[in-house]
């Protein structure tokens, strides 16, 4: 059984590790399939409250694997089976918060995978870039959409059309990353954030909030449509056991003991009402 992606769950946090350190975690189709499977399993597991994705060794993922004569950019034998977005589901499609701990270089698909996460922590001096146009192909993993929504059209054009590399410090300055830290602090910071979510955030609150954030971007909801959805979703959680527990824990100055189960309690967000 492949160990190209490892999964460890501890105290509500799942750590998914891209695990080909000798190849600096260069991406393979097998790795992508394993990452997608790990995402699905974590999303269905109520013991997982937050997910951290990182790389083993000194890199996060240096892009497509060209070792051993591999030719990932050759025309596929079965064009109907090929997808430029091979991670299924994408991190933003999950109900659990996903934090990408980019502990080192993230190039090409290594970065575009991370752009699908909710939060990105990068190594300040590492190299990042969506370099596909310099390899004769185009960016993948929905990066034409994710990068534009995370930053703006100008930043996306700069990054995607030039294929240039940049440091973690610039990634944070451009809004591509949430924080840039020394490489040896990246994973620890991501884990601290994930543990804080696992302890202090109600599972259903996180799931509904995340879905509304991303669905608003995906579907282009208007402010008034978002207001309507916020009202409907408040009706789902107000008066719930977790809402009572969250207030009680705050008043008692203790950690909350949330009991909501996304696996059994989840229902999809309603459709927004049309503008009058």
C-alpha atoms as a PDB file:
ATOM      1  CA  UNK A   1       0.000   0.000   0.000  1.00  0.00           C
ATOM      2  CA  UNK A   2       1.404   3.399  -0.983  1.00  0.00           C
ATOM      3  CA  UNK A   3       2.629   5.745   1.723  1.00  0.00           C
ATOM      4  CA  UNK A   4       2.886   8.754  -0.612  1.00  0.00           C
ATOM      5  CA  UNK A   5       0.312  10.448   1.649  1.00  0.00           C
ATOM      6  CA  UNK A   6       0.229   9.631   5.368  1.00  0.00           C
ATOM      7  CA  UNK A   7      -2.623  10.442   7.754  1.00  0.00           C
ATOM      8  CA  UNK A   8      -2.355  10.950  11.504  1.00  0.00           C
ATOM      9  CA  UNK A   9      -5.280  12.034  13.694  1.00  0.00           C
ATOM     10  CA  UNK A  10      -4.685  13.368  17.189  1.00  0.00           C
ATOM     11  CA  UNK A  11      -7.022  15.342  19.451  1.00  0.00           C
ATOM     12  CA  UNK A  12      -9.320  16.407  16.642  1.00  0.00           C
ATOM     13  CA  UNK A  13      -6.607  17.359  14.135  1.00  0.00           C
ATOM     14  CA  UNK A  14      -5.783  15.289  11.050  1.00  0.00           C
ATOM     15  CA  UNK A  15      -2.300  15.821   9.610  1.00  0.00           C
ATOM     16  CA  UNK A  16      -2.034  14.777   5.963  1.00  0.00           C
ATOM     17  CA  UNK A  17       1.594  14.595   4.860  1.00  0.00           C
ATOM     18  CA  UNK A  18       2.829  14.450   1.276  1.00  0.00           C
ATOM     19  CA  UNK A  19       5.445  11.779   1.812  1.00  0.00           C
ATOM     20  CA  UNK A  20       8.046  11.457  -0.942  1.00  0.00           C
ATOM     21  CA  UNK A  21      10.899  13.335   0.766  1.00  0.00           C
ATOM     22  CA  UNK A  22      13.637  11.914  -1.475  1.00  0.00           C
ATOM     23  CA  UNK A  23      11.834  13.499  -4.452  1.00  0.00           C
ATOM     24  CA  UNK A  24      10.958  16.626  -2.428  1.00  0.00           C
ATOM     25  CA  UNK A  25       7.353  15.396  -2.544  1.00  0.00           C
ATOM     26  CA  UNK A  26       7.098  15.733  -6.322  1.00  0.00           C
ATOM     27  CA  UNK A  27       3.495  15.159  -7.356  1.00  0.00           C
ATOM     28  CA  UNK A  28       2.261  11.894  -8.887  1.00  0.00           C
ATOM     29  CA  UNK A  29      -1.215  10.739  -9.852  1.00  0.00           C
ATOM     30  CA  UNK A  30      -1.089   8.241  -7.001  1.00  0.00           C
ATOM     31  CA  UNK A  31      -0.345  11.029  -4.539  1.00  0.00           C
ATOM     32  CA  UNK A  32      -3.303  13.029  -5.844  1.00  0.00           C
ATOM     33  CA  UNK A  33      -5.678  10.091  -5.537  1.00  0.00           C
ATOM     34  CA  UNK A  34      -4.493   9.378  -1.991  1.00  0.00           C
ATOM     35  CA  UNK A  35      -4.888  13.015  -0.970  1.00  0.00           C
ATOM     36  CA  UNK A  36      -8.439  13.101  -2.323  1.00  0.00           C
ATOM     37  CA  UNK A  37      -9.292   9.902  -0.464  1.00  0.00           C
ATOM     38  CA  UNK A  38      -7.811  11.270   2.759  1.00  0.00           C
ATOM     39  CA  UNK A  39      -9.881  14.443   2.356  1.00  0.00           C
ATOM     40  CA  UNK A  40     -13.080  12.429   1.959  1.00  0.00           C
ATOM     41  CA  UNK A  41     -12.363  10.203   4.943  1.00  0.00           C
ATOM     42  CA  UNK A  42     -11.493  13.150   7.185  1.00  0.00           C
ATOM     43  CA  UNK A  43     -14.606  15.035   6.120  1.00  0.00           C
ATOM     44  CA  UNK A  44     -16.773  12.062   7.145  1.00  0.00           C
ATOM     45  CA  UNK A  45     -14.983  11.498  10.466  1.00  0.00           C
ATOM     46  CA  UNK A  46     -16.509  13.393  13.411  1.00  0.00           C
ATOM     47  CA  UNK A  47     -13.286  12.879  15.363  1.00  0.00           C
ATOM     48  CA  UNK A  48     -11.585  15.202  12.845  1.00  0.00           C
ATOM     49  CA  UNK A  49     -12.362  18.848  13.493  1.00  0.00           C
ATOM     50  CA  UNK A  50      -9.582  20.444  11.414  1.00  0.00           C
ATOM     51  CA  UNK A  51      -7.118  19.290   8.759  1.00  0.00           C
ATOM     52  CA  UNK A  52      -3.479  20.253   8.223  1.00  0.00           C
ATOM     53  CA  UNK A  53      -1.743  19.430   4.929  1.00  0.00           C
ATOM     54  CA  UNK A  54       2.056  19.532   4.908  1.00  0.00           C
ATOM     55  CA  UNK A  55       5.105  17.936   3.288  1.00  0.00           C
ATOM     56  CA  UNK A  56       7.753  15.603   4.673  1.00  0.00           C
ATOM     57  CA  UNK A  57      11.360  16.731   4.655  1.00  0.00           C
ATOM     58  CA  UNK A  58      12.367  20.199   3.533  1.00  0.00           C
ATOM     59  CA  UNK A  59       9.759  20.854   0.816  1.00  0.00           C
ATOM     60  CA  UNK A  60       5.982  20.956   0.565  1.00  0.00           C
ATOM     61  CA  UNK A  61       5.783  19.818  -3.078  1.00  0.00           C
ATOM     62  CA  UNK A  62       8.107  20.873  -5.903  1.00  0.00           C
ATOM     63  CA  UNK A  63       5.576  20.179  -8.662  1.00  0.00           C
ATOM     64  CA  UNK A  64       5.055  17.382 -11.139  1.00  0.00           C
ATOM     65  CA  UNK A  65       7.387  14.404 -10.934  1.00  0.00           C
ATOM     66  CA  UNK A  66       9.759  14.235 -13.916  1.00  0.00           C
ATOM     67  CA  UNK A  67      12.079  11.624 -12.383  1.00  0.00           C
ATOM     68  CA  UNK A  68      12.741   8.241 -13.950  1.00  0.00           C
ATOM     69  CA  UNK A  69      11.726   9.399 -17.402  1.00  0.00           C
ATOM     70  CA  UNK A  70       8.211  10.399 -16.301  1.00  0.00           C
ATOM     71  CA  UNK A  71       6.479  12.691 -18.794  1.00  0.00           C
ATOM     72  CA  UNK A  72       3.430  14.132 -16.990  1.00  0.00           C
ATOM     73  CA  UNK A  73       2.831  16.729 -19.698  1.00  0.00           C
ATOM     74  CA  UNK A  74       2.639  14.278 -22.602  1.00  0.00           C
ATOM     75  CA  UNK A  75      -0.777  13.920 -24.223  1.00  0.00           C
ATOM     76  CA  UNK A  76      -2.808  11.449 -22.126  1.00  0.00           C
ATOM     77  CA  UNK A  77      -3.663   8.127 -23.729  1.00  0.00           C
ATOM     78  CA  UNK A  78      -7.253   8.498 -22.538  1.00  0.00           C
ATOM     79  CA  UNK A  79      -8.142  12.152 -22.914  1.00  0.00           C
ATOM     80  CA  UNK A  80     -11.608  11.611 -21.425  1.00  0.00           C
ATOM     81  CA  UNK A  81     -10.058  10.347 -18.184  1.00  0.00           C
ATOM     82  CA  UNK A  82      -7.681  13.302 -17.774  1.00  0.00           C
ATOM     83  CA  UNK A  83      -8.516  16.090 -15.338  1.00  0.00           C
ATOM     84  CA  UNK A  84      -6.512  19.230 -14.666  1.00  0.00           C
ATOM     85  CA  UNK A  85      -8.109  19.230 -11.196  1.00  0.00           C
ATOM     86  CA  UNK A  86      -7.200  15.754  -9.940  1.00  0.00           C
ATOM     87  CA  UNK A  87      -7.693  16.357  -6.209  1.00  0.00           C
ATOM     88  CA  UNK A  88     -11.290  15.252  -5.637  1.00  0.00           C
ATOM     89  CA  UNK A  89     -12.787  16.753  -3.576  1.00  0.00           C
ATOM     90  CA  UNK A  90     -10.912  20.033  -3.517  1.00  0.00           C
ATOM     91  CA  UNK A  91     -10.042  21.252  -0.024  1.00  0.00           C
ATOM     92  CA  UNK A  92     -12.561  24.097  -0.251  1.00  0.00           C
ATOM     93  CA  UNK A  93     -15.344  21.581  -0.921  1.00  0.00           C
ATOM     94  CA  UNK A  94     -14.903  19.956   2.498  1.00  0.00           C
ATOM     95  CA  UNK A  95     -16.846  20.905   5.619  1.00  0.00           C
ATOM     96  CA  UNK A  96     -13.765  20.923   7.845  1.00  0.00           C
ATOM     97  CA  UNK A  97     -11.270  23.821   7.923  1.00  0.00           C
ATOM     98  CA  UNK A  98      -8.128  22.957   5.945  1.00  0.00           C
ATOM     99  CA  UNK A  99      -4.788  24.596   6.740  1.00  0.00           C
ATOM    100  CA  UNK A 100      -1.893  24.212   4.309  1.00  0.00           C
ATOM    101  CA  UNK A 101       1.447  24.235   6.133  1.00  0.00           C
ATOM    102  CA  UNK A 102       3.864  24.949   3.282  1.00  0.00           C
ATOM    103  CA  UNK A 103       7.017  24.035   5.159  1.00  0.00           C
ATOM    104  CA  UNK A 104       9.241  24.576   2.112  1.00  0.00           C
ATOM    105  CA  UNK A 105       9.165  25.053  -1.656  1.00  0.00           C
ATOM    106  CA  UNK A 106       5.760  24.707  -3.346  1.00  0.00           C
ATOM    107  CA  UNK A 107       5.971  24.898  -7.119  1.00  0.00           C
ATOM    108  CA  UNK A 108       3.377  24.297  -9.831  1.00  0.00           C
ATOM    109  CA  UNK A 109       0.723  21.875  -8.664  1.00  0.00           C
ATOM    110  CA  UNK A 110       2.394  21.960  -5.265  1.00  0.00           C
ATOM    111  CA  UNK A 111       1.144  25.526  -4.861  1.00  0.00           C
ATOM    112  CA  UNK A 112      -2.148  25.178  -6.725  1.00  0.00           C
ATOM    113  CA  UNK A 113      -3.182  22.366  -4.357  1.00  0.00           C
ATOM    114  CA  UNK A 114      -2.474  24.675  -1.426  1.00  0.00           C
ATOM    115  CA  UNK A 115      -4.506  27.490  -3.002  1.00  0.00           C
ATOM    116  CA  UNK A 116      -7.579  25.311  -2.441  1.00  0.00           C
ATOM    117  CA  UNK A 117      -7.064  25.321   1.344  1.00  0.00           C
ATOM    118  CA  UNK A 118      -8.775  27.780   3.678  1.00  0.00           C
ATOM    119  CA  UNK A 119      -5.579  29.052   5.329  1.00  0.00           C
ATOM    120  CA  UNK A 120      -1.973  28.980   4.091  1.00  0.00           C
ATOM    121  CA  UNK A 121       1.135  29.272   6.275  1.00  0.00           C
ATOM    122  CA  UNK A 122       4.369  29.541   4.252  1.00  0.00           C
ATOM    123  CA  UNK A 123       8.091  29.467   4.906  1.00  0.00           C
ATOM    124  CA  UNK A 124       9.372  33.009   4.598  1.00  0.00           C
ATOM    125  CA  UNK A 125      12.475  32.192   2.520  1.00  0.00           C
ATOM    126  CA  UNK A 126      11.129  29.252   0.484  1.00  0.00           C
ATOM    127  CA  UNK A 127      10.242  29.492  -3.214  1.00  0.00           C
ATOM    128  CA  UNK A 128       6.670  29.486  -4.473  1.00  0.00           C
ATOM    129  CA  UNK A 129       5.228  29.778  -7.953  1.00  0.00           C
ATOM    130  CA  UNK A 130       2.658  28.575 -10.457  1.00  0.00           C
ATOM    131  CA  UNK A 131       5.187  27.864 -13.190  1.00  0.00           C
ATOM    132  CA  UNK A 132       3.153  25.822 -15.674  1.00  0.00           C
ATOM    133  CA  UNK A 133       3.264  28.409 -18.477  1.00  0.00           C
ATOM    134  CA  UNK A 134       7.061  28.007 -18.412  1.00  0.00           C
ATOM    135  CA  UNK A 135       6.640  24.272 -19.040  1.00  0.00           C
ATOM    136  CA  UNK A 136       4.397  24.690 -22.073  1.00  0.00           C
ATOM    137  CA  UNK A 137       1.116  23.925 -20.295  1.00  0.00           C
ATOM    138  CA  UNK A 138      -1.267  26.025 -18.177  1.00  0.00           C
ATOM    139  CA  UNK A 139      -2.064  26.334 -14.452  1.00  0.00           C
ATOM    140  CA  UNK A 140      -4.252  23.673 -12.872  1.00  0.00           C
ATOM    141  CA  UNK A 141      -6.360  22.790  -9.814  1.00  0.00           C
ATOM    142  CA  UNK A 142      -8.772  25.662 -10.509  1.00  0.00           C
ATOM    143  CA  UNK A 143      -6.019  28.191  -9.807  1.00  0.00           C
ATOM    144  CA  UNK A 144      -7.413  30.656 -12.353  1.00  0.00           C
ATOM    145  CA  UNK A 145     -10.375  30.877  -9.967  1.00  0.00           C
ATOM    146  CA  UNK A 146      -8.840  30.312  -6.520  1.00  0.00           C
ATOM    147  CA  UNK A 147      -5.998  32.776  -6.946  1.00  0.00           C
ATOM    148  CA  UNK A 148      -8.276  35.490  -8.329  1.00  0.00           C
ATOM    149  CA  UNK A 149     -10.643  35.128  -5.369  1.00  0.00           C
ATOM    150  CA  UNK A 150      -7.892  34.904  -2.760  1.00  0.00           C
ATOM    151  CA  UNK A 151      -6.184  38.023  -4.125  1.00  0.00           C
ATOM    152  CA  UNK A 152      -7.360  39.951  -7.185  1.00  0.00           C
ATOM    153  CA  UNK A 153      -7.178  39.775 -10.955  1.00  0.00           C
ATOM    154  CA  UNK A 154      -3.952  41.791 -11.109  1.00  0.00           C
ATOM    155  CA  UNK A 155      -2.078  39.530  -8.696  1.00  0.00           C
ATOM    156  CA  UNK A 156      -3.435  36.417 -10.421  1.00  0.00           C
ATOM    157  CA  UNK A 157      -2.311  37.714 -13.817  1.00  0.00           C
ATOM    158  CA  UNK A 158       1.151  38.508 -12.460  1.00  0.00           C
ATOM    159  CA  UNK A 159       1.568  35.060 -10.916  1.00  0.00           C
ATOM    160  CA  UNK A 160      -0.107  32.889 -13.565  1.00  0.00           C
ATOM    161  CA  UNK A 161       0.965  34.633 -16.777  1.00  0.00           C
ATOM    162  CA  UNK A 162       4.631  35.058 -15.833  1.00  0.00           C
ATOM    163  CA  UNK A 163       5.113  31.724 -14.077  1.00  0.00           C
ATOM    164  CA  UNK A 164       7.716  33.443 -11.919  1.00  0.00           C
ATOM    165  CA  UNK A 165       8.787  32.230  -8.489  1.00  0.00           C
ATOM    166  CA  UNK A 166       8.666  34.343  -5.357  1.00  0.00           C
ATOM    167  CA  UNK A 167       9.473  34.019  -1.666  1.00  0.00           C
ATOM    168  CA  UNK A 168       7.093  33.240   1.137  1.00  0.00           C
ATOM    169  CA  UNK A 169       7.460  36.829   2.300  1.00  0.00           C
ATOM    170  CA  UNK A 170       6.118  38.084  -1.044  1.00  0.00           C
ATOM    171  CA  UNK A 171       3.365  35.447  -0.996  1.00  0.00           C
ATOM    172  CA  UNK A 172       2.114  36.903   2.279  1.00  0.00           C
ATOM    173  CA  UNK A 173       2.447  40.476   0.994  1.00  0.00           C
ATOM    174  CA  UNK A 174       0.373  39.588  -2.081  1.00  0.00           C
ATOM    175  CA  UNK A 175      -2.319  37.893   0.004  1.00  0.00           C
ATOM    176  CA  UNK A 176      -1.545  34.429  -1.382  1.00  0.00           C
ATOM    177  CA  UNK A 177      -0.502  33.299   2.103  1.00  0.00           C
ATOM    178  CA  UNK A 178      -1.960  34.236   5.465  1.00  0.00           C
ATOM    179  CA  UNK A 179       1.406  34.226   7.252  1.00  0.00           C
ATOM    180  CA  UNK A 180       5.081  33.779   6.418  1.00  0.00           C
ATOM    181  CA  UNK A 181       7.250  32.293   9.153  1.00  0.00           C
ATOM    182  CA  UNK A 182      10.680  30.674   9.464  1.00  0.00           C
ATOM    183  CA  UNK A 183      10.462  27.217   7.922  1.00  0.00           C
ATOM    184  CA  UNK A 184      10.914  25.397  11.222  1.00  0.00           C
ATOM    185  CA  UNK A 185       7.897  27.227  12.691  1.00  0.00           C
ATOM    186  CA  UNK A 186       5.404  26.668   9.856  1.00  0.00           C
ATOM    187  CA  UNK A 187       3.989  23.293  10.863  1.00  0.00           C
ATOM    188  CA  UNK A 188       3.888  24.141  14.566  1.00  0.00           C
ATOM    189  CA  UNK A 189       1.906  27.303  13.842  1.00  0.00           C
ATOM    190  CA  UNK A 190      -0.506  25.438  11.579  1.00  0.00           C
ATOM    191  CA  UNK A 191      -1.014  22.772  14.245  1.00  0.00           C
ATOM    192  CA  UNK A 192      -1.637  25.415  16.915  1.00  0.00           C
ATOM    193  CA  UNK A 193      -4.302  26.987  14.693  1.00  0.00           C
ATOM    194  CA  UNK A 194      -5.897  23.618  13.951  1.00  0.00           C
ATOM    195  CA  UNK A 195      -5.927  22.617  17.619  1.00  0.00           C
ATOM    196  CA  UNK A 196      -7.532  25.921  18.557  1.00  0.00           C
ATOM    197  CA  UNK A 197     -10.284  25.228  16.022  1.00  0.00           C
ATOM    198  CA  UNK A 198     -10.666  21.640  17.243  1.00  0.00           C
ATOM    199  CA  UNK A 199     -11.129  22.749  20.851  1.00  0.00           C
ATOM    200  CA  UNK A 200     -12.945  26.075  20.616  1.00  0.00           C
ATOM    201  CA  UNK A 201     -15.048  26.048  17.423  1.00  0.00           C
ATOM    202  CA  UNK A 202     -18.384  24.234  17.183  1.00  0.00           C
ATOM    203  CA  UNK A 203     -18.215  21.654  14.371  1.00  0.00           C
ATOM    204  CA  UNK A 204     -21.466  22.657  12.693  1.00  0.00           C
ATOM    205  CA  UNK A 205     -20.626  26.346  13.014  1.00  0.00           C
ATOM    206  CA  UNK A 206     -17.331  25.740  11.228  1.00  0.00           C
ATOM    207  CA  UNK A 207     -19.000  23.646   8.523  1.00  0.00           C
ATOM    208  CA  UNK A 208     -21.765  26.162   7.809  1.00  0.00           C
ATOM    209  CA  UNK A 209     -19.415  29.151   7.934  1.00  0.00           C
ATOM    210  CA  UNK A 210     -16.936  27.523   5.562  1.00  0.00           C
ATOM    211  CA  UNK A 211     -19.576  26.473   3.079  1.00  0.00           C
ATOM    212  CA  UNK A 212     -21.149  29.927   3.043  1.00  0.00           C
ATOM    213  CA  UNK A 213     -17.752  31.575   2.547  1.00  0.00           C
ATOM    214  CA  UNK A 214     -16.806  29.438  -0.431  1.00  0.00           C
ATOM    215  CA  UNK A 215     -20.279  29.083  -1.925  1.00  0.00           C
ATOM    216  CA  UNK A 216     -20.650  32.874  -1.919  1.00  0.00           C
ATOM    217  CA  UNK A 217     -17.515  33.086  -4.053  1.00  0.00           C
ATOM    218  CA  UNK A 218     -18.392  30.119  -6.261  1.00  0.00           C
ATOM    219  CA  UNK A 219     -21.936  31.231  -7.020  1.00  0.00           C
ATOM    220  CA  UNK A 220     -21.441  34.987  -6.847  1.00  0.00           C
ATOM    221  CA  UNK A 221     -24.099  35.642  -4.227  1.00  0.00           C
ATOM    222  CA  UNK A 222     -25.047  39.265  -3.652  1.00  0.00           C
ATOM    223  CA  UNK A 223     -24.693  40.818  -0.180  1.00  0.00           C
ATOM    224  CA  UNK A 224     -28.462  40.614   0.365  1.00  0.00           C
ATOM    225  CA  UNK A 225     -28.520  36.962  -0.693  1.00  0.00           C
ATOM    226  CA  UNK A 226     -25.743  36.250   1.809  1.00  0.00           C
ATOM    227  CA  UNK A 227     -27.718  38.101   4.482  1.00  0.00           C
ATOM    228  CA  UNK A 228     -30.703  35.884   3.759  1.00  0.00           C
ATOM    229  CA  UNK A 229     -28.622  32.730   3.979  1.00  0.00           C
ATOM    230  CA  UNK A 230     -26.994  33.895   7.204  1.00  0.00           C
ATOM    231  CA  UNK A 231     -30.476  34.349   8.678  1.00  0.00           C
ATOM    232  CA  UNK A 232     -31.596  30.883   7.587  1.00  0.00           C
ATOM    233  CA  UNK A 233     -28.431  29.274   8.930  1.00  0.00           C
ATOM    234  CA  UNK A 234     -28.782  31.117  12.237  1.00  0.00           C
ATOM    235  CA  UNK A 235     -32.163  29.432  12.603  1.00  0.00           C
ATOM    236  CA  UNK A 236     -30.388  26.066  12.279  1.00  0.00           C
ATOM    237  CA  UNK A 237     -27.942  26.693  15.115  1.00  0.00           C
ATOM    238  CA  UNK A 238     -29.633  29.155  17.489  1.00  0.00           C
ATOM    239  CA  UNK A 239     -31.009  27.265  20.460  1.00  0.00           C
ATOM    240  CA  UNK A 240     -29.002  24.169  19.605  1.00  0.00           C
ATOM    241  CA  UNK A 241     -27.126  22.191  22.233  1.00  0.00           C
ATOM    242  CA  UNK A 242     -23.817  23.527  20.941  1.00  0.00           C
ATOM    243  CA  UNK A 243     -25.075  27.110  21.009  1.00  0.00           C
ATOM    244  CA  UNK A 244     -26.062  26.671  24.658  1.00  0.00           C
ATOM    245  CA  UNK A 245     -22.737  24.988  25.414  1.00  0.00           C
ATOM    246  CA  UNK A 246     -20.723  27.730  23.702  1.00  0.00           C
ATOM    247  CA  UNK A 247     -22.347  30.423  25.832  1.00  0.00           C
ATOM    248  CA  UNK A 248     -22.070  28.368  29.014  1.00  0.00           C
ATOM    249  CA  UNK A 249     -18.371  27.720  28.429  1.00  0.00           C
ATOM    250  CA  UNK A 250     -17.751  31.413  27.822  1.00  0.00           C
ATOM    251  CA  UNK A 251     -19.579  32.410  31.006  1.00  0.00           C
ATOM    252  CA  UNK A 252     -17.850  29.690  33.032  1.00  0.00           C
ATOM    253  CA  UNK A 253     -14.439  30.572  31.543  1.00  0.00           C
ATOM    254  CA  UNK A 254     -13.735  26.993  30.450  1.00  0.00           C
ATOM    255  CA  UNK A 255     -13.158  25.098  27.218  1.00  0.00           C
ATOM    256  CA  UNK A 256     -16.422  24.148  25.479  1.00  0.00           C
ATOM    257  CA  UNK A 257     -17.546  20.553  25.139  1.00  0.00           C
ATOM    258  CA  UNK A 258     -19.290  20.595  21.780  1.00  0.00           C
ATOM    259  CA  UNK A 259     -21.293  17.531  20.794  1.00  0.00           C
ATOM    260  CA  UNK A 260     -22.517  18.350  17.284  1.00  0.00           C
ATOM    261  CA  UNK A 261     -21.858  15.698  14.644  1.00  0.00           C
ATOM    262  CA  UNK A 262     -21.484  16.979  11.117  1.00  0.00           C
ATOM    263  CA  UNK A 263     -21.706  13.465   9.674  1.00  0.00           C
ATOM    264  CA  UNK A 264     -25.276  12.969  10.911  1.00  0.00           C
ATOM    265  CA  UNK A 265     -26.562  16.534  11.395  1.00  0.00           C
ATOM    266  CA  UNK A 266     -25.423  18.074   8.119  1.00  0.00           C
ATOM    267  CA  UNK A 267     -27.809  19.265   5.455  1.00  0.00           C
ATOM    268  CA  UNK A 268     -26.716  21.292   2.458  1.00  0.00           C
ATOM    269  CA  UNK A 269     -27.086  25.049   2.418  1.00  0.00           C
ATOM    270  CA  UNK A 270     -30.391  26.278   1.010  1.00  0.00           C
ATOM    271  CA  UNK A 271     -30.528  28.139  -2.278  1.00  0.00           C
ATOM    272  CA  UNK A 272     -30.440  31.922  -1.833  1.00  0.00           C
ATOM    273  CA  UNK A 273     -33.579  33.909  -2.476  1.00  0.00           C
ATOM    274  CA  UNK A 274     -33.519  35.955  -5.699  1.00  0.00           C
ATOM    275  CA  UNK A 275     -33.124  39.706  -5.387  1.00  0.00           C
ATOM    276  CA  UNK A 276     -36.472  41.546  -5.448  1.00  0.00           C
END
